[in-house]
Amino acid sequence: MGNSDKKKRKHLCLSIAQKVKLLEKLDSSVSVECLKQEYGVGMTSICDLKEQKDKLFKFYAEVMNRS
């Protein structure tokens, strides 16, 4: 019907490092549209990452300290 013209994105899993990099770019005023194209994710995914930002940064810091 009406949705047949829309192109679905391929399911994509970002690594923790990629998620942290995306959030850092978002904090440095890179536009959401630019990040959507660069990482191949949708607006909802970026909003979800923003909500999980503190938890992601904490986890990433712990992992990096173990290395």
C-alpha atoms as a PDB file:
ATOM      1  CA  MET A   1       0.000   0.000   0.000  1.00  0.00           C
ATOM      2  CA  GLY A   2       1.386   3.436   0.980  1.00  0.00           C
ATOM      3  CA  ASN A   3       4.572   2.123   2.584  1.00  0.00           C
ATOM      4  CA  SER A   4       5.724   0.167  -0.473  1.00  0.00           C
ATOM      5  CA  ASP A   5       7.681   3.183  -1.769  1.00  0.00           C
ATOM      6  CA  LYS A   6       9.756   3.451   1.410  1.00  0.00           C
ATOM      7  CA  LYS A   7      13.164   1.831   1.424  1.00  0.00           C
ATOM      8  CA  LYS A   8      14.027  -0.176   4.540  1.00  0.00           C
ATOM      9  CA  ARG A   9      17.443   0.202   6.111  1.00  0.00           C
ATOM     10  CA  LYS A  10      19.559  -2.873   6.631  1.00  0.00           C
ATOM     11  CA  HIS A  11      19.724  -3.984  10.265  1.00  0.00           C
ATOM     12  CA  LEU A  12      22.961  -2.613  11.641  1.00  0.00           C
ATOM     13  CA  CYS A  13      24.707  -3.243  14.944  1.00  0.00           C
ATOM     14  CA  LEU A  14      27.063  -0.515  16.110  1.00  0.00           C
ATOM     15  CA  SER A  15      29.938  -1.394  18.414  1.00  0.00           C
ATOM     16  CA  ILE A  16      30.219   0.337  21.781  1.00  0.00           C
ATOM     17  CA  ALA A  17      33.139   2.380  20.409  1.00  0.00           C
ATOM     18  CA  GLN A  18      31.029   3.501  17.436  1.00  0.00           C
ATOM     19  CA  LYS A  19      28.169   4.475  19.721  1.00  0.00           C
ATOM     20  CA  VAL A  20      30.498   6.519  21.931  1.00  0.00           C
ATOM     21  CA  LYS A  21      32.023   8.211  18.866  1.00  0.00           C
ATOM     22  CA  LEU A  22      28.540   9.027  17.534  1.00  0.00           C
ATOM     23  CA  LEU A  23      27.547  10.582  20.875  1.00  0.00           C
ATOM     24  CA  GLU A  24      30.780  12.597  21.026  1.00  0.00           C
ATOM     25  CA  LYS A  25      30.086  13.963  17.551  1.00  0.00           C
ATOM     26  CA  LEU A  26      26.515  14.756  18.571  1.00  0.00           C
ATOM     27  CA  ASP A  27      27.852  16.704  21.575  1.00  0.00           C
ATOM     28  CA  SER A  28      30.220  18.636  19.312  1.00  0.00           C
ATOM     29  CA  SER A  29      27.283  19.983  17.300  1.00  0.00           C
ATOM     30  CA  VAL A  30      27.407  17.608  14.333  1.00  0.00           C
ATOM     31  CA  SER A  31      23.898  17.503  12.882  1.00  0.00           C
ATOM     32  CA  VAL A  32      21.668  14.501  13.453  1.00  0.00           C
ATOM     33  CA  GLU A  33      21.074  14.236   9.692  1.00  0.00           C
ATOM     34  CA  CYS A  34      24.817  13.959   9.089  1.00  0.00           C
ATOM     35  CA  LEU A  35      25.156  11.261  11.767  1.00  0.00           C
ATOM     36  CA  LYS A  36      22.182   9.338  10.372  1.00  0.00           C
ATOM     37  CA  GLN A  37      23.872   9.156   6.981  1.00  0.00           C
ATOM     38  CA  GLU A  38      27.372   8.466   8.319  1.00  0.00           C
ATOM     39  CA  TYR A  39      26.347   5.600  10.604  1.00  0.00           C
ATOM     40  CA  GLY A  40      23.346   4.345   8.629  1.00  0.00           C
ATOM     41  CA  VAL A  41      20.979   4.565  11.590  1.00  0.00           C
ATOM     42  CA  GLY A  42      17.604   6.229  12.067  1.00  0.00           C
ATOM     43  CA  MET A  43      16.446   9.075  14.235  1.00  0.00           C
ATOM     44  CA  THR A  44      14.973   6.693  16.817  1.00  0.00           C
ATOM     45  CA  SER A  45      18.313   4.907  17.208  1.00  0.00           C
ATOM     46  CA  ILE A  46      20.113   8.192  17.837  1.00  0.00           C
ATOM     47  CA  CYS A  47      17.481   9.254  20.372  1.00  0.00           C
ATOM     48  CA  ASP A  48      17.802   5.886  22.128  1.00  0.00           C
ATOM     49  CA  LEU A  49      21.582   6.322  22.303  1.00  0.00           C
ATOM     50  CA  LYS A  50      21.159   9.801  23.782  1.00  0.00           C
ATOM     51  CA  GLU A  51      18.955   8.320  26.517  1.00  0.00           C
ATOM     52  CA  GLN A  52      21.591   5.646  27.278  1.00  0.00           C
ATOM     53  CA  LYS A  53      24.511   8.065  27.045  1.00  0.00           C
ATOM     54  CA  ASP A  54      25.619   7.969  30.694  1.00  0.00           C
ATOM     55  CA  LYS A  55      25.441   4.182  30.882  1.00  0.00           C
ATOM     56  CA  LEU A  56      27.344   3.790  27.595  1.00  0.00           C
ATOM     57  CA  PHE A  57      30.135   6.179  28.608  1.00  0.00           C
ATOM     58  CA  LYS A  58      30.493   4.468  31.999  1.00  0.00           C
ATOM     59  CA  PHE A  59      30.665   1.004  30.421  1.00  0.00           C
ATOM     60  CA  TYR A  60      33.139   2.186  27.758  1.00  0.00           C
ATOM     61  CA  ALA A  61      35.391   3.743  30.425  1.00  0.00           C
ATOM     62  CA  GLU A  62      35.370   0.502  32.439  1.00  0.00           C
ATOM     63  CA  VAL A  63      36.268  -1.572  29.393  1.00  0.00           C
ATOM     64  CA  MET A  64      39.059   0.802  28.383  1.00  0.00           C
ATOM     65  CA  ASN A  65      40.522   0.749  31.920  1.00  0.00           C
ATOM     66  CA  ARG A  66      40.719  -3.061  31.812  1.00  0.00           C
ATOM     67  CA  SER A  67      42.747  -2.989  28.592  1.00  0.00           C
END
